Amino acid sequence: MSLLGAWQKVPVYSRETLWAGVYGKGPCIVEEYDSTTVIGKHWSWTVDGYENLDLTTRSKSQ
């Protein structure tokens, strides 16, 4: 993944293996059969009860 012109290694998650209640923070990538979600470093994510991927911004100090 390239952020601000520099490459870095980030976790890559398979969307089909994420269940309700799983959460994490960026930077990371979530791959699905028909899409890819790139999550930046100031973002958190959670899989809700309907298995939606909910993204929330975090302050820079978190």
C-alpha atoms as a PDB file:
ATOM      1  CA  MET A   1       0.000   0.000   0.000  1.00  0.00           C
ATOM      2  CA  SER A   2       1.360   3.445  -0.866  1.00  0.00           C
ATOM      3  CA  LEU A   3       0.582   6.311   1.495  1.00  0.00           C
ATOM      4  CA  LEU A   4       1.932   9.759   0.700  1.00  0.00           C
ATOM      5  CA  GLY A   5       4.288   8.303  -1.864  1.00  0.00           C
ATOM      6  CA  ALA A   6       5.889   5.711   0.437  1.00  0.00           C
ATOM      7  CA  TRP A   7       5.159   1.979   0.338  1.00  0.00           C
ATOM      8  CA  GLN A   8       4.418   0.149   3.552  1.00  0.00           C
ATOM      9  CA  LYS A   9       3.229  -3.303   4.608  1.00  0.00           C
ATOM     10  CA  VAL A  10      -0.298  -3.407   6.024  1.00  0.00           C
ATOM     11  CA  PRO A  11      -2.610  -6.224   7.160  1.00  0.00           C
ATOM     12  CA  VAL A  12      -4.962  -7.616   4.509  1.00  0.00           C
ATOM     13  CA  TYR A  13      -8.225  -9.179   5.713  1.00  0.00           C
ATOM     14  CA  SER A  14     -10.604 -11.434   3.793  1.00  0.00           C
ATOM     15  CA  ARG A  15     -14.110  -9.974   4.266  1.00  0.00           C
ATOM     16  CA  GLU A  16     -15.751 -13.408   4.297  1.00  0.00           C
ATOM     17  CA  THR A  17     -13.788 -14.369   7.436  1.00  0.00           C
ATOM     18  CA  LEU A  18     -14.906 -11.316   9.462  1.00  0.00           C
ATOM     19  CA  TRP A  19     -17.936 -11.858  11.711  1.00  0.00           C
ATOM     20  CA  ALA A  20     -20.090  -9.543  13.844  1.00  0.00           C
ATOM     21  CA  GLY A  21     -18.091  -7.940  16.642  1.00  0.00           C
ATOM     22  CA  VAL A  22     -14.692  -8.127  14.932  1.00  0.00           C
ATOM     23  CA  TYR A  23     -12.888  -4.776  14.888  1.00  0.00           C
ATOM     24  CA  GLY A  24      -9.574  -3.225  13.986  1.00  0.00           C
ATOM     25  CA  LYS A  25      -7.809  -0.059  12.957  1.00  0.00           C
ATOM     26  CA  GLY A  26      -6.043   1.179   9.889  1.00  0.00           C
ATOM     27  CA  PRO A  27      -4.030   1.223   7.908  1.00  0.00           C
ATOM     28  CA  CYS A  28      -5.254  -2.042   6.415  1.00  0.00           C
ATOM     29  CA  ILE A  29      -7.081  -3.539   3.449  1.00  0.00           C
ATOM     30  CA  VAL A  30     -10.309  -5.565   3.495  1.00  0.00           C
ATOM     31  CA  GLU A  31     -10.780  -7.684   0.346  1.00  0.00           C
ATOM     32  CA  GLU A  32     -14.060  -9.142  -0.938  1.00  0.00           C
ATOM     33  CA  TYR A  33     -14.889 -11.095  -4.072  1.00  0.00           C
ATOM     34  CA  ASP A  34     -16.287  -7.945  -5.713  1.00  0.00           C
ATOM     35  CA  SER A  35     -14.600  -5.034  -3.935  1.00  0.00           C
ATOM     36  CA  THR A  36     -11.621  -3.833  -1.914  1.00  0.00           C
ATOM     37  CA  THR A  37     -11.775  -1.418   1.030  1.00  0.00           C
ATOM     38  CA  VAL A  38      -8.622   0.561   1.809  1.00  0.00           C
ATOM     39  CA  ILE A  39      -8.720   1.868   5.389  1.00  0.00           C
ATOM     40  CA  GLY A  40      -6.383   4.741   6.247  1.00  0.00           C
ATOM     41  CA  LYS A  41      -4.281   5.082   9.373  1.00  0.00           C
ATOM     42  CA  HIS A  42      -6.657   7.436  11.225  1.00  0.00           C
ATOM     43  CA  TRP A  43      -9.664   5.121  10.833  1.00  0.00           C
ATOM     44  CA  SER A  44     -11.141   2.287  12.914  1.00  0.00           C
ATOM     45  CA  TRP A  45     -13.523  -0.379  11.679  1.00  0.00           C
ATOM     46  CA  THR A  46     -16.095  -2.738  13.214  1.00  0.00           C
ATOM     47  CA  VAL A  47     -18.326  -5.442  11.757  1.00  0.00           C
ATOM     48  CA  ASP A  48     -21.849  -4.802  13.065  1.00  0.00           C
ATOM     49  CA  GLY A  49     -24.662  -7.267  13.793  1.00  0.00           C
ATOM     50  CA  TYR A  50     -25.774  -7.166  10.145  1.00  0.00           C
ATOM     51  CA  GLU A  51     -22.179  -7.865   9.031  1.00  0.00           C
ATOM     52  CA  ASN A  52     -21.730  -4.328   7.657  1.00  0.00           C
ATOM     53  CA  LEU A  53     -18.258  -2.859   7.801  1.00  0.00           C
ATOM     54  CA  ASP A  54     -18.601   0.381   9.824  1.00  0.00           C
ATOM     55  CA  LEU A  55     -15.753   2.905   9.553  1.00  0.00           C
ATOM     56  CA  THR A  56     -15.038   5.666  12.093  1.00  0.00           C
ATOM     57  CA  THR A  57     -12.335   8.321  12.140  1.00  0.00           C
ATOM     58  CA  ARG A  58      -9.952   8.436  15.110  1.00  0.00           C
ATOM     59  CA  SER A  59      -8.056  11.405  16.449  1.00  0.00           C
ATOM     60  CA  LYS A  60      -4.381  11.473  15.530  1.00  0.00           C
ATOM     61  CA  SER A  61      -3.393  10.796  19.161  1.00  0.00           C
ATOM     62  CA  GLN A  62      -5.203   7.419  19.328  1.00  0.00           C
END
